[in-house]
Amino acid sequence: MEKEKKEDLRVKRTRKLLSQALLSLIEHHSFHSISVKEICEEAMVHRATFYTHFNDKYDLLAYSLKEIAEEFRFTESNLKEVHLKLFNVAIKYKPLFSQLFLEERDSLRYLIRKEMTKGMKQQVVSETNTQYISPSSEVAIAAFAGATLGVLNWWIENGMTLSSEEVYNEIKQVLNWGHIEKMQDETIGKE
């Protein structure tokens, strides 16, 4: 029994060292450029030990991100707590979040979000006849674009049973799109 505890602690320690090494390297290098050898050198762990615990660096990244996700368990929180936890974890791991989001720039999701956001901003600018977009409008646009992509993912995973118009109307209702339209009207009224 005592031997099992010591082994469990060694496994936990090794995984923690490898995870910390990866997160440290990601602060200064792109994930794709980091090698298993560099991770092992940073953690001061043999390559054979690395492969005892993980299949590859992607497996280690998944483990590391899962450990970070434990910091913002959503099951027992209200909506406000969920958001605060998420954003506070992003602050705590700012270099990691920045690097991983930066690396996502070649993804289809990123490109769609970028174009959607750009189009919505152009619409706000043309409707308000000003180049200024309020922080509230920026947040609303980001929320709508992010939510739309999340719902698109859900829609695809669930067999696309709703029409695109039905999905749009649901998003509009859930996100209180009327509130966003009201903000646009207030911005126009300030001109």
C-alpha atoms as a PDB file:
ATOM      1  CA  MET A   1       0.000   0.000   0.000  1.00  0.00           C
ATOM      2  CA  GLU A   2       2.766   2.444   0.951  1.00  0.00           C
ATOM      3  CA  LYS A   3       4.665   1.546  -2.233  1.00  0.00           C
ATOM      4  CA  GLU A   4       1.564   2.329  -4.375  1.00  0.00           C
ATOM      5  CA  LYS A   5       1.240   5.794  -2.781  1.00  0.00           C
ATOM      6  CA  LYS A   6       4.900   6.570  -3.474  1.00  0.00           C
ATOM      7  CA  GLU A   7       4.518   5.444  -7.090  1.00  0.00           C
ATOM      8  CA  ASP A   8       1.364   7.526  -7.482  1.00  0.00           C
ATOM      9  CA  LEU A   9       3.204  10.539  -6.102  1.00  0.00           C
ATOM     10  CA  ARG A  10       6.109   9.938  -8.487  1.00  0.00           C
ATOM     11  CA  VAL A  11       3.724   9.684 -11.433  1.00  0.00           C
ATOM     12  CA  LYS A  12       1.952  12.894 -10.378  1.00  0.00           C
ATOM     13  CA  ARG A  13       5.271  14.668  -9.843  1.00  0.00           C
ATOM     14  CA  THR A  14       6.642  13.606 -13.225  1.00  0.00           C
ATOM     15  CA  ARG A  15       3.471  14.615 -15.044  1.00  0.00           C
ATOM     16  CA  LYS A  16       3.467  17.946 -13.225  1.00  0.00           C
ATOM     17  CA  LEU A  17       7.114  18.595 -14.138  1.00  0.00           C
ATOM     18  CA  LEU A  18       6.459  17.802 -17.798  1.00  0.00           C
ATOM     19  CA  SER A  19       3.313  19.925 -17.848  1.00  0.00           C
ATOM     20  CA  GLN A  20       5.086  22.884 -16.227  1.00  0.00           C
ATOM     21  CA  ALA A  21       7.960  22.535 -18.685  1.00  0.00           C
ATOM     22  CA  LEU A  22       5.595  22.597 -21.645  1.00  0.00           C
ATOM     23  CA  LEU A  23       3.678  25.604 -20.318  1.00  0.00           C
ATOM     24  CA  SER A  24       6.937  27.418 -19.659  1.00  0.00           C
ATOM     25  CA  LEU A  25       8.197  26.736 -23.192  1.00  0.00           C
ATOM     26  CA  ILE A  26       4.880  27.829 -24.733  1.00  0.00           C
ATOM     27  CA  GLU A  27       5.322  31.245 -23.119  1.00  0.00           C
ATOM     28  CA  HIS A  28       8.260  31.896 -25.453  1.00  0.00           C
ATOM     29  CA  HIS A  29       7.826  29.542 -28.425  1.00  0.00           C
ATOM     30  CA  SER A  30       5.000  28.325 -30.597  1.00  0.00           C
ATOM     31  CA  PHE A  31       3.674  24.934 -29.563  1.00  0.00           C
ATOM     32  CA  HIS A  32       4.391  23.509 -33.001  1.00  0.00           C
ATOM     33  CA  SER A  33       8.074  24.418 -32.780  1.00  0.00           C
ATOM     34  CA  ILE A  34       8.576  22.754 -29.378  1.00  0.00           C
ATOM     35  CA  SER A  35      10.053  19.261 -29.433  1.00  0.00           C
ATOM     36  CA  VAL A  36       9.712  16.455 -26.911  1.00  0.00           C
ATOM     37  CA  LYS A  37      13.465  16.728 -26.393  1.00  0.00           C
ATOM     38  CA  GLU A  38      13.117  20.403 -25.356  1.00  0.00           C
ATOM     39  CA  ILE A  39      10.264  19.545 -22.993  1.00  0.00           C
ATOM     40  CA  CYS A  40      12.355  16.809 -21.380  1.00  0.00           C
ATOM     41  CA  GLU A  41      15.369  19.099 -21.019  1.00  0.00           C
ATOM     42  CA  GLU A  42      13.226  21.822 -19.436  1.00  0.00           C
ATOM     43  CA  ALA A  43      11.650  19.312 -17.018  1.00  0.00           C
ATOM     44  CA  MET A  44      14.966  17.495 -16.433  1.00  0.00           C
ATOM     45  CA  VAL A  45      13.282  14.193 -17.311  1.00  0.00           C
ATOM     46  CA  HIS A  46      14.518  11.446 -19.651  1.00  0.00           C
ATOM     47  CA  ARG A  47      12.731  10.986 -22.985  1.00  0.00           C
ATOM     48  CA  ALA A  48      11.904   7.402 -22.030  1.00  0.00           C
ATOM     49  CA  THR A  49      10.143   8.723 -18.931  1.00  0.00           C
ATOM     50  CA  PHE A  50       8.203  11.181 -21.070  1.00  0.00           C
ATOM     51  CA  TYR A  51       6.954   8.364 -23.294  1.00  0.00           C
ATOM     52  CA  THR A  52       6.029   6.296 -20.235  1.00  0.00           C
ATOM     53  CA  HIS A  53       3.488   8.983 -19.361  1.00  0.00           C
ATOM     54  CA  PHE A  54       2.467  10.533 -22.688  1.00  0.00           C
ATOM     55  CA  ASN A  55       2.174   9.417 -26.314  1.00  0.00           C
ATOM     56  CA  ASP A  56       3.473  12.707 -27.712  1.00  0.00           C
ATOM     57  CA  LYS A  57       3.510  16.437 -27.043  1.00  0.00           C
ATOM     58  CA  TYR A  58      -0.149  16.718 -28.103  1.00  0.00           C
ATOM     59  CA  ASP A  59      -1.088  14.219 -25.417  1.00  0.00           C
ATOM     60  CA  LEU A  60       0.892  16.281 -22.887  1.00  0.00           C
ATOM     61  CA  LEU A  61      -0.817  19.469 -24.061  1.00  0.00           C
ATOM     62  CA  ALA A  62      -4.247  17.863 -23.666  1.00  0.00           C
ATOM     63  CA  TYR A  63      -3.290  16.728 -20.151  1.00  0.00           C
ATOM     64  CA  SER A  64      -1.976  20.202 -19.270  1.00  0.00           C
ATOM     65  CA  LEU A  65      -5.075  21.956 -20.570  1.00  0.00           C
ATOM     66  CA  LYS A  66      -7.289  19.513 -18.685  1.00  0.00           C
ATOM     67  CA  GLU A  67      -5.397  20.368 -15.496  1.00  0.00           C
ATOM     68  CA  ILE A  68      -5.931  24.086 -16.146  1.00  0.00           C
ATOM     69  CA  ALA A  69      -9.614  23.471 -16.878  1.00  0.00           C
ATOM     70  CA  GLU A  70      -9.943  21.945 -13.407  1.00  0.00           C
ATOM     71  CA  GLU A  71      -9.413  25.461 -12.056  1.00  0.00           C
ATOM     72  CA  PHE A  72     -12.733  26.628 -13.449  1.00  0.00           C
ATOM     73  CA  ARG A  73     -15.155  23.805 -12.824  1.00  0.00           C
ATOM     74  CA  PHE A  74     -18.509  24.885 -14.154  1.00  0.00           C
ATOM     75  CA  THR A  75     -20.721  22.322 -12.459  1.00  0.00           C
ATOM     76  CA  GLU A  76     -21.328  24.101  -9.161  1.00  0.00           C
ATOM     77  CA  SER A  77     -21.145  27.707 -10.308  1.00  0.00           C
ATOM     78  CA  ASN A  78     -23.656  30.284 -11.376  1.00  0.00           C
ATOM     79  CA  LEU A  79     -23.205  32.065 -14.695  1.00  0.00           C
ATOM     80  CA  LYS A  80     -21.341  35.022 -13.182  1.00  0.00           C
ATOM     81  CA  GLU A  81     -18.907  32.749 -11.340  1.00  0.00           C
ATOM     82  CA  VAL A  82     -18.272  30.751 -14.513  1.00  0.00           C
ATOM     83  CA  HIS A  83     -17.325  33.874 -16.437  1.00  0.00           C
ATOM     84  CA  LEU A  84     -15.193  35.307 -13.643  1.00  0.00           C
ATOM     85  CA  LYS A  85     -13.354  32.000 -13.187  1.00  0.00           C
ATOM     86  CA  LEU A  86     -12.715  31.670 -16.902  1.00  0.00           C
ATOM     87  CA  PHE A  87     -11.378  35.195 -17.316  1.00  0.00           C
ATOM     88  CA  ASN A  88      -9.285  34.978 -14.119  1.00  0.00           C
ATOM     89  CA  VAL A  89      -7.726  31.720 -15.333  1.00  0.00           C
ATOM     90  CA  ALA A  90      -6.979  33.457 -18.654  1.00  0.00           C
ATOM     91  CA  ILE A  91      -5.215  36.219 -16.706  1.00  0.00           C
ATOM     92  CA  LYS A  92      -3.262  33.667 -14.662  1.00  0.00           C
ATOM     93  CA  TYR A  93      -2.150  31.817 -17.815  1.00  0.00           C
ATOM     94  CA  LYS A  94      -2.010  34.844 -20.106  1.00  0.00           C
ATOM     95  CA  PRO A  95       1.143  33.795 -22.038  1.00  0.00           C
ATOM     96  CA  LEU A  96      -0.315  30.331 -22.654  1.00  0.00           C
ATOM     97  CA  PHE A  97      -3.712  31.627 -23.750  1.00  0.00           C
ATOM     98  CA  SER A  98      -2.085  34.275 -25.956  1.00  0.00           C
ATOM     99  CA  GLN A  99       0.214  31.762 -27.631  1.00  0.00           C
ATOM    100  CA  LEU A 100      -2.475  29.130 -28.194  1.00  0.00           C
ATOM    101  CA  PHE A 101      -4.927  31.685 -29.584  1.00  0.00           C
ATOM    102  CA  LEU A 102      -2.157  33.087 -31.785  1.00  0.00           C
ATOM    103  CA  GLU A 103      -1.452  29.605 -33.148  1.00  0.00           C
ATOM    104  CA  GLU A 104      -5.133  29.186 -33.940  1.00  0.00           C
ATOM    105  CA  ARG A 105      -4.929  31.974 -36.531  1.00  0.00           C
ATOM    106  CA  ASP A 106      -4.697  29.511 -39.395  1.00  0.00           C
ATOM    107  CA  SER A 107      -7.838  27.656 -38.331  1.00  0.00           C
ATOM    108  CA  LEU A 108     -11.139  27.848 -40.150  1.00  0.00           C
ATOM    109  CA  ARG A 109     -12.854  28.861 -36.900  1.00  0.00           C
ATOM    110  CA  TYR A 110     -10.509  31.841 -36.472  1.00  0.00           C
ATOM    111  CA  LEU A 111     -10.927  32.972 -40.081  1.00  0.00           C
ATOM    112  CA  ILE A 112     -14.726  32.785 -39.914  1.00  0.00           C
ATOM    113  CA  ARG A 113     -14.790  34.674 -36.596  1.00  0.00           C
ATOM    114  CA  LYS A 114     -12.432  37.325 -37.972  1.00  0.00           C
ATOM    115  CA  GLU A 115     -14.549  37.906 -41.096  1.00  0.00           C
ATOM    116  CA  MET A 116     -17.800  37.884 -39.135  1.00  0.00           C
ATOM    117  CA  THR A 117     -16.426  40.412 -36.630  1.00  0.00           C
ATOM    118  CA  LYS A 118     -15.054  42.606 -39.408  1.00  0.00           C
ATOM    119  CA  GLY A 119     -18.422  42.620 -41.196  1.00  0.00           C
ATOM    120  CA  MET A 120     -20.351  43.433 -38.029  1.00  0.00           C
ATOM    121  CA  LYS A 121     -17.968  46.287 -37.175  1.00  0.00           C
ATOM    122  CA  GLN A 122     -18.330  47.701 -40.683  1.00  0.00           C
ATOM    123  CA  GLN A 123     -22.095  47.586 -40.268  1.00  0.00           C
ATOM    124  CA  VAL A 124     -21.927  49.469 -36.943  1.00  0.00           C
ATOM    125  CA  VAL A 125     -19.578  52.071 -38.453  1.00  0.00           C
ATOM    126  CA  SER A 126     -21.778  52.606 -41.508  1.00  0.00           C
ATOM    127  CA  GLU A 127     -24.951  52.859 -39.393  1.00  0.00           C
ATOM    128  CA  THR A 128     -23.421  55.300 -36.908  1.00  0.00           C
ATOM    129  CA  ASN A 129     -21.416  57.374 -39.425  1.00  0.00           C
ATOM    130  CA  THR A 130     -18.428  57.296 -37.082  1.00  0.00           C
ATOM    131  CA  GLN A 131     -15.241  55.275 -36.801  1.00  0.00           C
ATOM    132  CA  TYR A 132     -15.727  54.863 -33.046  1.00  0.00           C
ATOM    133  CA  ILE A 133     -17.073  51.579 -31.778  1.00  0.00           C
ATOM    134  CA  SER A 134     -17.868  51.595 -28.064  1.00  0.00           C
ATOM    135  CA  PRO A 135     -16.427  48.921 -25.780  1.00  0.00           C
ATOM    136  CA  SER A 136     -19.998  47.668 -25.223  1.00  0.00           C
ATOM    137  CA  SER A 137     -20.448  47.224 -28.962  1.00  0.00           C
ATOM    138  CA  GLU A 138     -17.042  45.523 -29.270  1.00  0.00           C
ATOM    139  CA  VAL A 139     -18.003  43.054 -26.530  1.00  0.00           C
ATOM    140  CA  ALA A 140     -21.443  42.472 -28.090  1.00  0.00           C
ATOM    141  CA  ILE A 141     -19.902  41.785 -31.492  1.00  0.00           C
ATOM    142  CA  ALA A 142     -17.316  39.402 -30.013  1.00  0.00           C
ATOM    143  CA  ALA A 143     -20.037  37.641 -27.995  1.00  0.00           C
ATOM    144  CA  PHE A 144     -22.280  37.218 -31.015  1.00  0.00           C
ATOM    145  CA  ALA A 145     -19.469  35.962 -33.255  1.00  0.00           C
ATOM    146  CA  GLY A 146     -18.162  33.533 -30.629  1.00  0.00           C
ATOM    147  CA  ALA A 147     -21.630  32.274 -29.771  1.00  0.00           C
ATOM    148  CA  THR A 148     -22.483  31.823 -33.425  1.00  0.00           C
ATOM    149  CA  LEU A 149     -19.402  29.659 -33.943  1.00  0.00           C
ATOM    150  CA  GLY A 150     -20.192  27.655 -30.828  1.00  0.00           C
ATOM    151  CA  VAL A 151     -23.727  27.078 -32.047  1.00  0.00           C
ATOM    152  CA  LEU A 152     -22.442  26.206 -35.524  1.00  0.00           C
ATOM    153  CA  ASN A 153     -20.291  23.515 -33.915  1.00  0.00           C
ATOM    154  CA  TRP A 154     -23.292  22.238 -31.913  1.00  0.00           C
ATOM    155  CA  TRP A 155     -25.497  22.310 -35.027  1.00  0.00           C
ATOM    156  CA  ILE A 156     -23.012  20.236 -37.059  1.00  0.00           C
ATOM    157  CA  GLU A 157     -22.452  17.740 -34.219  1.00  0.00           C
ATOM    158  CA  ASN A 158     -26.223  17.286 -33.824  1.00  0.00           C
ATOM    159  CA  GLY A 159     -27.083  16.543 -37.433  1.00  0.00           C
ATOM    160  CA  MET A 160     -28.119  20.028 -38.641  1.00  0.00           C
ATOM    161  CA  THR A 161     -31.780  19.363 -37.857  1.00  0.00           C
ATOM    162  CA  LEU A 162     -32.744  23.035 -37.576  1.00  0.00           C
ATOM    163  CA  SER A 163     -32.721  25.313 -40.615  1.00  0.00           C
ATOM    164  CA  SER A 164     -30.115  28.067 -40.721  1.00  0.00           C
ATOM    165  CA  GLU A 165     -32.889  30.636 -40.202  1.00  0.00           C
ATOM    166  CA  GLU A 166     -34.182  28.768 -37.133  1.00  0.00           C
ATOM    167  CA  VAL A 167     -30.674  28.650 -35.685  1.00  0.00           C
ATOM    168  CA  TYR A 168     -30.188  32.387 -36.326  1.00  0.00           C
ATOM    169  CA  ASN A 169     -33.484  33.223 -34.608  1.00  0.00           C
ATOM    170  CA  GLU A 170     -32.550  31.064 -31.609  1.00  0.00           C
ATOM    171  CA  ILE A 171     -29.152  32.761 -31.305  1.00  0.00           C
ATOM    172  CA  LYS A 172     -30.774  36.185 -31.625  1.00  0.00           C
ATOM    173  CA  GLN A 173     -33.255  35.349 -28.880  1.00  0.00           C
ATOM    174  CA  VAL A 174     -30.746  33.720 -26.534  1.00  0.00           C
ATOM    175  CA  LEU A 175     -28.226  36.542 -26.896  1.00  0.00           C
ATOM    176  CA  ASN A 176     -30.892  39.213 -26.550  1.00  0.00           C
ATOM    177  CA  TRP A 177     -29.951  40.654 -29.927  1.00  0.00           C
ATOM    178  CA  GLY A 178     -32.505  43.366 -29.252  1.00  0.00           C
ATOM    179  CA  HIS A 179     -30.101  44.643 -26.593  1.00  0.00           C
ATOM    180  CA  ILE A 180     -27.336  44.894 -29.172  1.00  0.00           C
ATOM    181  CA  GLU A 181     -29.652  46.678 -31.596  1.00  0.00           C
ATOM    182  CA  LYS A 182     -30.607  49.057 -28.756  1.00  0.00           C
ATOM    183  CA  MET A 183     -26.918  49.851 -28.152  1.00  0.00           C
ATOM    184  CA  GLN A 184     -26.542  50.683 -31.820  1.00  0.00           C
ATOM    185  CA  ASP A 185     -29.551  53.014 -31.594  1.00  0.00           C
ATOM    186  CA  GLU A 186     -28.034  54.692 -28.506  1.00  0.00           C
ATOM    187  CA  THR A 187     -24.734  55.161 -30.331  1.00  0.00           C
ATOM    188  CA  ILE A 188     -26.559  56.748 -33.268  1.00  0.00           C
ATOM    189  CA  GLY A 189     -28.505  58.981 -30.846  1.00  0.00           C
ATOM    190  CA  LYS A 190     -25.247  60.312 -29.340  1.00  0.00           C
ATOM    191  CA  GLU A 191     -24.106  61.610 -32.724  1.00  0.00           C
END
